[in-house]
Amino acid sequence: MTDLLQAFRQHLATERSLSERTVAAYLRDLHQLERFLCDSGASLADRESLRRVDILLLRRFLAELYRRNSRTSIARKLSTIKVFFRFAVREGVLEASPADTLTTPKREQFLPKVLSVDQVGTLLDKPIAGKELLLLRDLALLELIYSCGLRVSEAVGLDLDSFDFSGHQVRVVGKGSKERILPVGKTALRVLARYLALRGGDQQKGAVFLNHRGARLTARSVQRNLKARLIQLGLPGDVTPHALRHSFATHLLDAGADLRVIQELLGHASLSTTQRYTKVSFSHLTEVYDRAHPRSRKK
């Protein structure tokens, strides 16, 4: 890794307080650009090579990306490039960024996958076959995701001292190491207490959700275990743990919760991100209207 890239990595980790995973994603995008530039006689390696990178080269790179990437991926990669070149300007390596005038592609508008209230009830209430400890662990984790609107990474990252059982609260570390305090439903706390009692061991510190080897459960394992549970219950197999987070937000919105409250609960930095759920909710309202209104019902 060149000195400039190393400095950029340090900038992302310390000044911008980004997580290791996010920093790694930035660097992957830059390494992809570096491979393209090497074929064009330019590079990110040093000052002189970097100065040969102009807007025409970057447009050619974007054209290559359009052949095999979604607009969302391209927008993310372009954002990385812009941040890097602005950093190079700040460090005095460049006088101006060649990426600033590049236009970010409009992102596709995907509505998040949402479970109905009845489907969530089936997922969380119906028993399935398996070892009691592991079933209780998975059930407690899914209950927490739905009760608090957690990302799966936030759920598996929970420690025992994250909870205030008497206050029905949990402290969650989200994106950018930002903390938020969330209320926890009684059902989720009750299932969690049953899991911890059966799990035994030190109840004061360490990870909450453990795999069969006693190590912290991974997000990939959560997805795999959820899929097995869905199959046993006859529910759609393409549901992800993140769908429970989407369902949490949509069900709150359907029940009349304020959008800004939902934004705080989800830990969204921008209200526009939360506003996606208004489209999901409107779709739900339209279905109810078409089914219920006497002048709208289909014969």
Protein backbone atom coordinates (compact mmCIF):
# COMPACT_ATOMS: atom_id res chain seq x y z
CA MET A 1 0.00 0.00 0.00
CA THR A 2 1.38 3.41 -0.98
CA ASP A 3 2.02 6.16 1.56
CA LEU A 4 -0.93 8.17 0.25
CA LEU A 5 -3.33 5.25 0.50
CA GLN A 6 -2.02 4.46 3.97
CA ALA A 7 -2.60 8.07 5.01
CA PHE A 8 -6.08 7.95 3.48
CA ARG A 9 -6.84 4.78 5.43
CA GLN A 10 -5.74 6.48 8.64
CA HIS A 11 -7.90 9.49 7.77
CA LEU A 12 -10.98 7.29 7.35
CA ALA A 13 -10.40 5.38 10.56
CA THR A 14 -9.47 8.28 12.86
CA GLU A 15 -10.81 11.57 11.51
CA ARG A 16 -14.02 10.13 10.05
CA SER A 17 -14.41 7.38 12.67
CA LEU A 18 -15.47 4.77 10.12
CA SER A 19 -15.63 1.09 11.02
CA GLU A 20 -13.00 -1.38 9.81
CA ARG A 21 -15.52 -2.89 7.41
CA THR A 22 -16.33 0.49 5.86
CA VAL A 23 -12.64 1.41 5.55
CA ALA A 24 -11.98 -1.92 3.84
CA ALA A 25 -14.81 -1.19 1.37
CA TYR A 26 -13.27 2.20 0.53
CA LEU A 27 -9.89 0.60 -0.11
CA ARG A 28 -11.38 -2.16 -2.28
CA ASP A 29 -12.97 0.49 -4.50
CA LEU A 30 -9.65 2.32 -4.80
CA HIS A 31 -7.75 -0.88 -5.62
CA GLN A 32 -10.27 -1.51 -8.41
CA LEU A 33 -9.58 1.97 -9.77
CA GLU A 34 -5.84 1.38 -9.41
CA ARG A 35 -6.03 -1.78 -11.55
CA PHE A 36 -7.86 0.15 -14.27
CA LEU A 37 -5.38 3.03 -14.17
CA CYS A 38 -2.37 0.72 -14.51
CA ASP A 39 -3.66 -0.38 -17.90
CA SER A 40 -3.92 3.29 -18.89
CA GLY A 41 -0.44 4.40 -17.81
CA ALA A 42 -1.60 6.21 -14.67
CA SER A 43 -1.62 5.25 -11.00
CA LEU A 44 -2.52 6.24 -7.45
CA ALA A 45 0.98 5.27 -6.35
CA ASP A 46 2.77 8.63 -6.35
CA ARG A 47 2.33 12.35 -6.99
CA GLU A 48 3.36 12.33 -10.65
CA SER A 49 1.26 9.28 -11.53
CA LEU A 50 -1.74 10.69 -9.69
CA ARG A 51 -1.52 13.95 -11.64
CA ARG A 52 -2.04 11.98 -14.86
CA VAL A 53 -5.49 10.94 -13.65
CA ASP A 54 -7.97 13.28 -15.32
CA ILE A 55 -11.71 13.41 -15.77
CA LEU A 56 -11.54 11.53 -19.08
CA LEU A 57 -9.81 8.57 -17.43
CA LEU A 58 -12.35 8.57 -14.62
CA ARG A 59 -15.23 8.67 -17.10
CA ARG A 60 -13.74 5.68 -18.89
CA PHE A 61 -13.53 3.88 -15.56
CA LEU A 62 -17.20 4.64 -14.85
CA ALA A 63 -18.14 3.38 -18.32
CA GLU A 64 -16.42 0.09 -17.46
CA LEU A 65 -18.35 -0.08 -14.20
CA TYR A 66 -21.69 0.39 -15.96
CA ARG A 67 -21.15 -2.87 -17.84
CA ARG A 68 -21.32 -5.08 -14.75
CA ASN A 69 -22.41 -3.02 -11.73
CA SER A 70 -25.70 -1.67 -10.46
CA ARG A 71 -26.17 2.09 -10.24
CA THR A 72 -26.11 1.80 -6.45
CA SER A 73 -22.66 0.17 -6.55
CA ILE A 74 -21.40 2.73 -9.05
CA ALA A 75 -22.64 5.59 -6.86
CA ARG A 76 -20.79 4.12 -3.88
CA LYS A 77 -17.55 3.66 -5.83
CA LEU A 78 -17.79 7.19 -7.22
CA SER A 79 -18.30 8.53 -3.71
CA THR A 80 -15.10 6.74 -2.63
CA ILE A 81 -13.18 8.26 -5.54
CA LYS A 82 -14.41 11.77 -4.74
CA VAL A 83 -13.48 11.44 -1.08
CA PHE A 84 -10.01 10.15 -1.98
CA PHE A 85 -9.20 12.92 -4.46
CA ARG A 86 -10.45 15.61 -2.08
CA PHE A 87 -8.14 14.11 0.52
CA ALA A 88 -5.27 14.29 -1.99
CA VAL A 89 -6.04 17.99 -2.53
CA ARG A 90 -6.12 18.60 1.20
CA GLU A 91 -2.75 16.91 1.58
CA GLY A 92 -1.24 19.11 -1.16
CA VAL A 93 -0.69 16.23 -3.56
CA LEU A 94 -3.09 17.74 -6.12
CA GLU A 95 -4.21 21.29 -6.78
CA ALA A 96 -7.75 20.27 -7.73
CA SER A 97 -9.81 17.10 -7.79
CA PRO A 98 -10.57 15.65 -11.26
CA ALA A 99 -13.59 13.83 -9.81
CA ASP A 100 -15.64 16.74 -8.49
CA THR A 101 -17.55 17.36 -11.73
CA LEU A 102 -18.52 13.71 -12.21
CA THR A 103 -22.26 13.15 -11.85
CA THR A 104 -23.49 10.50 -9.45
CA PRO A 105 -25.95 8.12 -11.16
CA LYS A 106 -29.49 8.17 -9.87
CA ARG A 107 -29.96 5.15 -7.66
CA GLU A 108 -32.56 2.48 -8.21
CA GLN A 109 -35.49 2.76 -5.84
CA PHE A 110 -35.94 -0.64 -4.24
CA LEU A 111 -38.71 -1.04 -1.72
CA PRO A 112 -37.46 -3.01 1.28
CA LYS A 113 -38.78 -6.52 1.86
CA VAL A 114 -41.42 -6.45 4.58
CA LEU A 115 -43.19 -9.22 6.48
CA SER A 116 -46.79 -8.86 7.48
CA VAL A 117 -47.70 -8.78 11.17
CA ASP A 118 -49.11 -12.30 10.85
CA GLN A 119 -45.93 -13.58 9.22
CA VAL A 120 -43.82 -12.09 12.00
CA GLY A 121 -46.14 -13.75 14.51
CA THR A 122 -45.66 -17.11 12.79
CA LEU A 123 -41.88 -16.65 12.70
CA LEU A 124 -41.57 -15.73 16.37
CA ASP A 125 -44.41 -17.65 18.01
CA LYS A 126 -44.57 -21.07 16.38
CA PRO A 127 -42.24 -23.75 17.78
CA ILE A 128 -39.90 -25.72 15.53
CA ALA A 129 -37.75 -28.81 16.04
CA GLY A 130 -34.17 -28.52 17.29
CA LYS A 131 -31.94 -28.15 20.34
CA GLU A 132 -33.61 -25.97 22.96
CA LEU A 133 -30.58 -23.76 23.68
CA LEU A 134 -29.95 -22.95 20.03
CA LEU A 135 -33.65 -22.42 19.31
CA LEU A 136 -33.93 -20.04 22.27
CA ARG A 137 -30.80 -18.18 21.15
CA ASP A 138 -32.11 -17.68 17.61
CA LEU A 139 -35.57 -16.74 18.85
CA ALA A 140 -34.17 -14.20 21.32
CA LEU A 141 -32.01 -12.65 18.61
CA LEU A 142 -34.89 -12.38 16.12
CA GLU A 143 -37.16 -10.97 18.82
CA LEU A 144 -34.56 -8.28 19.56
CA ILE A 145 -34.10 -7.36 15.91
CA TYR A 146 -37.85 -6.94 15.48
CA SER A 147 -38.41 -5.32 18.87
CA CYS A 148 -35.67 -2.70 18.42
CA GLY A 149 -35.24 -2.45 14.66
CA LEU A 150 -31.63 -3.61 14.87
CA ARG A 151 -29.24 -4.32 12.04
CA VAL A 152 -28.03 -7.91 12.24
CA SER A 153 -24.47 -6.65 12.83
CA GLU A 154 -25.75 -4.62 15.80
CA ALA A 155 -27.57 -7.63 17.22
CA VAL A 156 -24.63 -10.04 17.08
CA GLY A 157 -22.38 -7.27 18.45
CA LEU A 158 -24.39 -6.92 21.66
CA ASP A 159 -22.63 -7.59 24.96
CA LEU A 160 -24.25 -8.57 28.25
CA ASP A 161 -23.52 -5.16 29.77
CA SER A 162 -25.39 -3.51 26.86
CA PHE A 163 -28.70 -4.26 28.58
CA ASP A 164 -30.56 -2.48 31.34
CA PHE A 165 -33.14 -5.14 32.13
CA SER A 166 -34.87 -3.11 34.84
CA GLY A 167 -35.20 -0.13 32.52
CA HIS A 168 -36.15 -2.25 29.47
CA GLN A 169 -33.34 -0.64 27.47
CA VAL A 170 -30.35 -1.66 25.36
CA ARG A 171 -27.31 0.32 24.27
CA VAL A 172 -26.50 -0.31 20.60
CA VAL A 173 -23.38 0.62 18.65
CA GLY A 174 -24.38 1.33 15.07
CA LYS A 175 -22.68 2.58 11.91
CA GLY A 176 -19.77 4.92 12.46
CA SER A 177 -19.53 3.70 16.07
CA LYS A 178 -22.55 5.83 16.95
CA GLU A 179 -24.39 4.74 20.06
CA ARG A 180 -28.12 4.88 20.64
CA ILE A 181 -30.30 3.77 23.55
CA LEU A 182 -33.37 1.81 22.51
CA PRO A 183 -36.44 0.50 24.33
CA VAL A 184 -36.83 -3.28 24.37
CA GLY A 185 -40.20 -5.01 24.34
CA LYS A 186 -41.24 -7.26 27.24
CA THR A 187 -41.50 -10.33 25.02
CA ALA A 188 -37.97 -9.89 23.69
CA LEU A 189 -36.58 -9.44 27.21
CA ARG A 190 -38.47 -12.49 28.48
CA VAL A 191 -37.12 -14.74 25.71
CA LEU A 192 -33.62 -13.31 26.16
CA ALA A 193 -33.75 -14.02 29.91
CA ARG A 194 -34.79 -17.63 29.21
CA TYR A 195 -31.90 -18.05 26.77
CA LEU A 196 -29.34 -16.59 29.17
CA ALA A 197 -30.62 -18.73 32.04
CA LEU A 198 -30.30 -21.89 29.96
CA ARG A 199 -26.94 -20.80 28.53
CA GLY A 200 -25.41 -20.27 31.97
CA GLY A 201 -21.84 -19.07 32.39
CA ASP A 202 -20.74 -15.52 33.17
CA GLN A 203 -23.80 -13.25 32.93
CA GLN A 204 -21.91 -9.98 33.51
CA LYS A 205 -19.70 -9.52 30.46
CA GLY A 206 -18.92 -10.80 26.99
CA ALA A 207 -21.05 -11.53 23.94
CA VAL A 208 -24.74 -12.23 24.35
CA PHE A 209 -25.21 -14.57 21.41
CA LEU A 210 -22.72 -17.44 21.19
CA ASN A 211 -22.25 -20.23 18.66
CA HIS A 212 -21.84 -23.87 19.64
CA ARG A 213 -18.10 -23.30 20.21
CA GLY A 214 -18.69 -20.48 22.69
CA ALA A 215 -17.55 -17.72 20.29
CA ARG A 216 -19.61 -14.72 19.22
CA LEU A 217 -22.30 -15.59 16.67
CA THR A 218 -21.71 -14.18 13.18
CA ALA A 219 -24.16 -12.41 10.88
CA ARG A 220 -23.73 -15.18 8.30
CA SER A 221 -24.78 -17.79 10.86
CA VAL A 222 -27.85 -15.74 11.73
CA GLN A 223 -28.89 -15.70 8.06
CA ARG A 224 -28.34 -19.44 7.73
CA ASN A 225 -30.29 -20.23 10.92
CA LEU A 226 -33.13 -17.92 9.90
CA LYS A 227 -33.44 -19.61 6.51
CA ALA A 228 -33.74 -23.01 8.18
CA ARG A 229 -36.42 -21.65 10.49
CA LEU A 230 -38.36 -20.13 7.57
CA ILE A 231 -38.33 -23.43 5.69
CA GLN A 232 -39.64 -25.33 8.71
CA LEU A 233 -42.45 -22.81 9.15
CA GLY A 234 -43.39 -22.63 5.47
CA LEU A 235 -42.54 -18.92 5.18
CA PRO A 236 -40.80 -17.24 2.19
CA GLY A 237 -37.22 -18.47 2.08
CA ASP A 238 -35.79 -15.21 0.72
CA VAL A 239 -36.49 -13.30 3.94
CA THR A 240 -33.31 -11.90 5.55
CA PRO A 241 -32.71 -10.69 9.11
CA HIS A 242 -32.79 -7.17 7.68
CA ALA A 243 -36.41 -7.76 6.63
CA LEU A 244 -37.31 -7.81 10.34
CA ARG A 245 -35.75 -4.35 10.70
CA HIS A 246 -37.77 -3.14 7.71
CA SER A 247 -40.89 -4.74 9.17
CA PHE A 248 -40.28 -3.04 12.52
CA ALA A 249 -40.23 0.38 10.85
CA THR A 250 -43.18 -0.27 8.55
CA HIS A 251 -45.41 -1.67 11.31
CA LEU A 252 -44.64 1.32 13.53
CA LEU A 253 -45.47 3.68 10.69
CA ASP A 254 -48.72 1.84 9.95
CA ALA A 255 -49.64 2.22 13.62
CA GLY A 256 -49.16 6.01 13.45
CA ALA A 257 -45.60 6.48 14.76
CA ASP A 258 -43.85 9.71 13.78
CA LEU A 259 -41.28 9.34 11.00
CA ARG A 260 -38.60 11.21 12.96
CA VAL A 261 -39.08 8.90 15.93
CA ILE A 262 -38.58 5.93 13.62
CA GLN A 263 -35.45 7.64 12.23
CA GLU A 264 -34.01 7.87 15.75
CA LEU A 265 -34.88 4.26 16.55
CA LEU A 266 -33.27 2.99 13.36
CA GLY A 267 -30.19 5.17 13.74
CA HIS A 268 -30.52 6.73 10.28
CA ALA A 269 -28.35 9.80 9.74
CA SER A 270 -30.75 11.15 7.11
CA LEU A 271 -34.53 11.33 7.19
CA SER A 272 -34.60 10.57 3.46
CA THR A 273 -33.39 7.04 4.23
CA THR A 274 -36.28 6.51 6.63
CA GLN A 275 -38.76 7.93 4.13
CA ARG A 276 -38.46 4.74 2.06
CA TYR A 277 -40.86 3.19 4.53
CA THR A 278 -43.59 5.66 3.69
CA LYS A 279 -43.72 4.10 0.20
CA VAL A 280 -44.01 0.62 1.68
CA SER A 281 -46.69 1.80 4.07
CA PHE A 282 -48.60 3.54 1.27
CA SER A 283 -48.55 0.32 -0.73
CA HIS A 284 -50.05 -1.42 2.30
CA LEU A 285 -52.71 1.28 2.65
CA THR A 286 -53.56 0.98 -1.04
CA GLU A 287 -54.09 -2.76 -0.70
CA VAL A 288 -56.35 -2.24 2.31
CA TYR A 289 -58.28 0.49 0.45
CA ASP A 290 -58.80 -1.67 -2.64
CA ARG A 291 -59.95 -4.55 -0.47
CA ALA A 292 -62.24 -2.57 1.83
CA HIS A 293 -63.71 0.45 0.05
CA PRO A 294 -67.16 -0.32 -1.44
CA ARG A 295 -66.43 1.64 -4.63
CA SER A 296 -62.94 0.17 -5.05
CA ARG A 297 -63.47 -3.53 -4.38
CA LYS A 298 -62.88 -5.71 -7.41
CA LYS A 299 -65.82 -7.91 -8.40
